[in-house]
Protein backbone atom coordinates (compact mmCIF):
# COMPACT_ATOMS: atom_id res chain seq x y z
CA UNK A 1 0.06 0.00 -0.01
CA UNK A 2 1.25 3.43 -0.82
CA UNK A 3 0.08 5.40 2.18
CA UNK A 4 -1.08 3.17 5.03
CA UNK A 5 1.84 0.86 5.60
CA UNK A 6 2.36 -1.82 8.28
CA UNK A 7 4.48 0.71 10.23
CA UNK A 8 1.55 3.14 10.07
CA UNK A 9 -0.72 0.67 11.74
CA UNK A 10 1.86 0.01 14.48
CA UNK A 11 2.62 3.66 15.39
CA UNK A 12 1.31 5.36 18.48
CA UNK A 13 -2.26 6.72 18.04
CA UNK A 14 -1.30 10.39 18.19
CA UNK A 15 2.04 10.31 16.41
CA UNK A 16 2.36 13.33 14.08
CA UNK A 17 3.60 11.17 11.19
CA UNK A 18 0.63 8.86 11.62
CA UNK A 19 -1.80 11.80 11.57
CA UNK A 20 -0.16 13.14 8.37
CA UNK A 21 -0.47 9.81 6.64
CA UNK A 22 -4.10 9.46 7.80
CA UNK A 23 -4.81 12.83 6.20
CA UNK A 24 -3.05 11.86 2.94
CA UNK A 25 -5.13 8.64 2.88
CA UNK A 26 -8.40 10.61 3.21
CA UNK A 27 -7.30 13.18 0.55
CA UNK A 28 -6.23 10.36 -1.84
CA UNK A 29 -9.79 8.71 -1.41
CA UNK A 30 -11.43 12.04 -2.17
CA UNK A 31 -9.30 12.71 -5.15
CA UNK A 32 -9.89 9.34 -6.78
CA UNK A 33 -13.67 9.38 -6.36
CA UNK A 34 -14.37 11.20 -9.66
CA UNK A 35 -12.49 8.50 -11.66
CA UNK A 36 -14.45 5.49 -10.07
CA UNK A 37 -17.09 3.60 -11.85
CA UNK A 38 -17.99 -0.09 -12.64
CA UNK A 39 -18.62 -0.86 -8.97
CA UNK A 40 -15.38 0.82 -7.67
CA UNK A 41 -17.48 3.87 -6.62
CA UNK A 42 -19.24 1.53 -4.13
CA UNK A 43 -16.17 -0.34 -3.03
CA UNK A 44 -14.38 2.82 -1.73
CA UNK A 45 -17.18 3.31 0.80
CA UNK A 46 -16.85 -0.31 2.28
CA UNK A 47 -15.10 -0.19 5.69
CA UNK A 48 -12.86 -3.35 5.66
CA UNK A 49 -10.91 -2.58 8.90
CA UNK A 50 -11.10 -5.54 11.20
CA UNK A 51 -12.90 -7.53 8.45
CA UNK A 52 -11.95 -11.29 8.50
CA UNK A 53 -11.39 -12.87 5.15
CA UNK A 54 -13.03 -16.19 4.59
CA UNK A 55 -12.19 -16.61 0.90
CA UNK A 56 -9.73 -15.01 -1.46
CA UNK A 57 -8.92 -16.63 -4.82
CA UNK A 58 -8.31 -16.17 -8.46
CA UNK A 59 -11.33 -18.29 -9.68
CA UNK A 60 -10.36 -18.26 -13.25
CA UNK A 61 -8.42 -16.01 -15.68
CA UNK A 62 -9.78 -12.39 -15.12
CA UNK A 63 -11.98 -13.27 -12.05
CA UNK A 64 -11.04 -12.83 -8.35
CA UNK A 65 -13.42 -13.55 -5.53
CA UNK A 66 -13.24 -12.15 -1.98
CA UNK A 67 -15.57 -13.16 0.71
CA UNK A 68 -15.16 -11.41 4.22
CA UNK A 69 -17.15 -10.76 7.38
CA UNK A 70 -17.05 -6.98 7.96
CA UNK A 71 -18.36 -4.71 10.64
CA UNK A 72 -18.25 -4.72 14.38
CA UNK A 73 -20.49 -5.11 17.42
CA UNK A 74 -21.56 -1.40 17.20
CA UNK A 75 -22.66 -1.19 13.68
CA UNK A 76 -23.41 -4.90 13.17
CA UNK A 77 -21.84 -7.56 11.03
CA UNK A 78 -22.39 -8.53 7.40
CA UNK A 79 -20.82 -10.80 4.78
CA UNK A 80 -19.10 -8.91 1.84
CA UNK A 81 -18.87 -10.90 -1.34
CA UNK A 82 -16.85 -9.06 -3.98
CA UNK A 83 -16.39 -10.46 -7.46
CA UNK A 84 -13.64 -8.54 -9.33
CA UNK A 85 -13.83 -8.73 -13.17
CA UNK A 86 -10.98 -8.21 -15.51
CA UNK A 87 -8.93 -8.97 -12.48
CA UNK A 88 -5.53 -10.23 -11.33
CA UNK A 89 -4.66 -11.07 -7.78
CA UNK A 90 -0.97 -10.23 -6.73
CA UNK A 91 0.77 -10.95 -3.49
CA UNK A 92 2.83 -7.94 -2.32
CA UNK A 93 3.73 -9.44 1.13
CA UNK A 94 3.34 -13.13 1.89
CA UNK A 95 2.23 -14.42 5.27
CA UNK A 96 -1.53 -14.46 5.40
CA UNK A 97 -3.75 -17.56 5.41
CA UNK A 98 -1.63 -20.02 7.32
CA UNK A 99 -3.23 -22.33 9.93
CA UNK A 100 -4.08 -20.49 13.05
CA UNK A 101 -3.97 -17.14 11.37
CA UNK A 102 -7.21 -14.99 11.64
CA UNK A 103 -6.43 -13.30 8.24
CA UNK A 104 -7.84 -9.99 9.32
CA UNK A 105 -7.88 -6.85 7.24
CA UNK A 106 -6.18 -3.81 8.73
CA UNK A 107 -7.12 -1.43 5.93
CA UNK A 108 -7.29 -0.81 2.24
CA UNK A 109 -6.57 1.67 -0.48
CA UNK A 110 -8.22 2.08 -3.82
CA UNK A 111 -6.38 3.70 -6.78
CA UNK A 112 -7.10 4.34 -10.39
CA UNK A 113 -4.67 3.63 -13.21
CA UNK A 114 -5.34 4.00 -16.94
CA UNK A 115 -8.64 2.10 -17.48
CA UNK A 116 -8.43 -0.16 -14.34
CA UNK A 117 -8.45 0.16 -10.58
CA UNK A 118 -6.21 -1.40 -7.85
CA UNK A 119 -7.64 -2.53 -4.48
CA UNK A 120 -4.75 -2.94 -2.03
CA UNK A 121 -5.29 -4.69 1.30
CA UNK A 122 -2.95 -5.08 4.21
CA UNK A 123 -3.69 -7.97 6.59
CA UNK A 124 -2.85 -8.93 10.18
CA UNK A 125 -0.65 -10.32 11.45
CA UNK A 126 1.18 -10.24 8.13
CA UNK A 127 0.46 -10.02 4.44
CA UNK A 128 -0.63 -7.65 1.74
CA UNK A 129 -2.25 -8.15 -1.60
CA UNK A 130 -3.42 -6.16 -4.61
CA UNK A 131 -6.37 -6.80 -6.87
CA UNK A 132 -6.16 -5.06 -10.20
CA UNK A 133 -9.58 -5.00 -11.89
CA UNK A 134 -11.85 -3.42 -14.38
CA UNK A 135 -15.20 -3.87 -12.57
CA UNK A 136 -16.39 -5.21 -9.29
CA UNK A 137 -19.78 -6.58 -8.20
CA UNK A 138 -20.65 -6.28 -4.45
CA UNK A 139 -23.10 -8.23 -2.46
CA UNK A 140 -23.85 -7.80 1.22
CA UNK A 141 -25.72 -10.34 3.43
CA UNK A 142 -26.51 -9.85 7.20
CA UNK A 143 -24.28 -11.78 9.66
CA UNK A 144 -23.76 -11.98 13.45
CA UNK A 145 -21.03 -11.82 15.95
CA UNK A 146 -21.11 -15.61 16.15
CA UNK A 147 -19.98 -15.76 12.50
CA UNK A 148 -16.94 -13.62 13.36
CA UNK A 149 -16.10 -15.85 16.31
CA UNK A 150 -16.34 -18.97 14.21
CA UNK A 151 -13.99 -17.51 11.61
CA UNK A 152 -11.39 -16.44 14.11
CA UNK A 153 -11.34 -19.59 16.18
CA UNK A 154 -11.32 -22.11 13.32
CA UNK A 155 -8.16 -24.25 13.08
CA UNK A 156 -8.10 -24.66 9.31
CA UNK A 157 -6.53 -21.95 7.29
CA UNK A 158 -8.81 -19.59 5.43
CA UNK A 159 -9.60 -20.65 1.89
CA UNK A 160 -6.82 -18.53 0.36
CA UNK A 161 -5.56 -19.60 -2.96
CA UNK A 162 -3.37 -17.22 -4.74
CA UNK A 163 -1.60 -17.74 -8.09
CA UNK A 164 1.62 -15.89 -7.91
């Protein structure tokens, strides 16, 4: 990710550099909005922070699927299913999806390049991936706190299959 790095997430909450990067991230989100279309204009408003990834895979050439439980106990939980079209999944930093790893999203960035978009996601405790895409279809389904607990406590690794 260009602005919100792993170091950014580990800095003190009121560190001046952290605040500057946070402002840059918000400004970047606002400046890219006019260029968004084909579902990306909806994706930018999805709060993925603390979302737990259940499924991430390149289904076939040009199609990437992401399924995650997003939300929290205050706003409620829901399943996000994103199907990226004209898409390629790339690993930026390995280390997510192993057995015993919750595969939780810390944050994301959405950028526009030429005729496509890049959705970058950084995960906890390690890992980062990019999905370059032309369009994205989003579906949301209600969920509960018990769904989150089931994802976090399972012993099998998440269904992560990434073609590098």
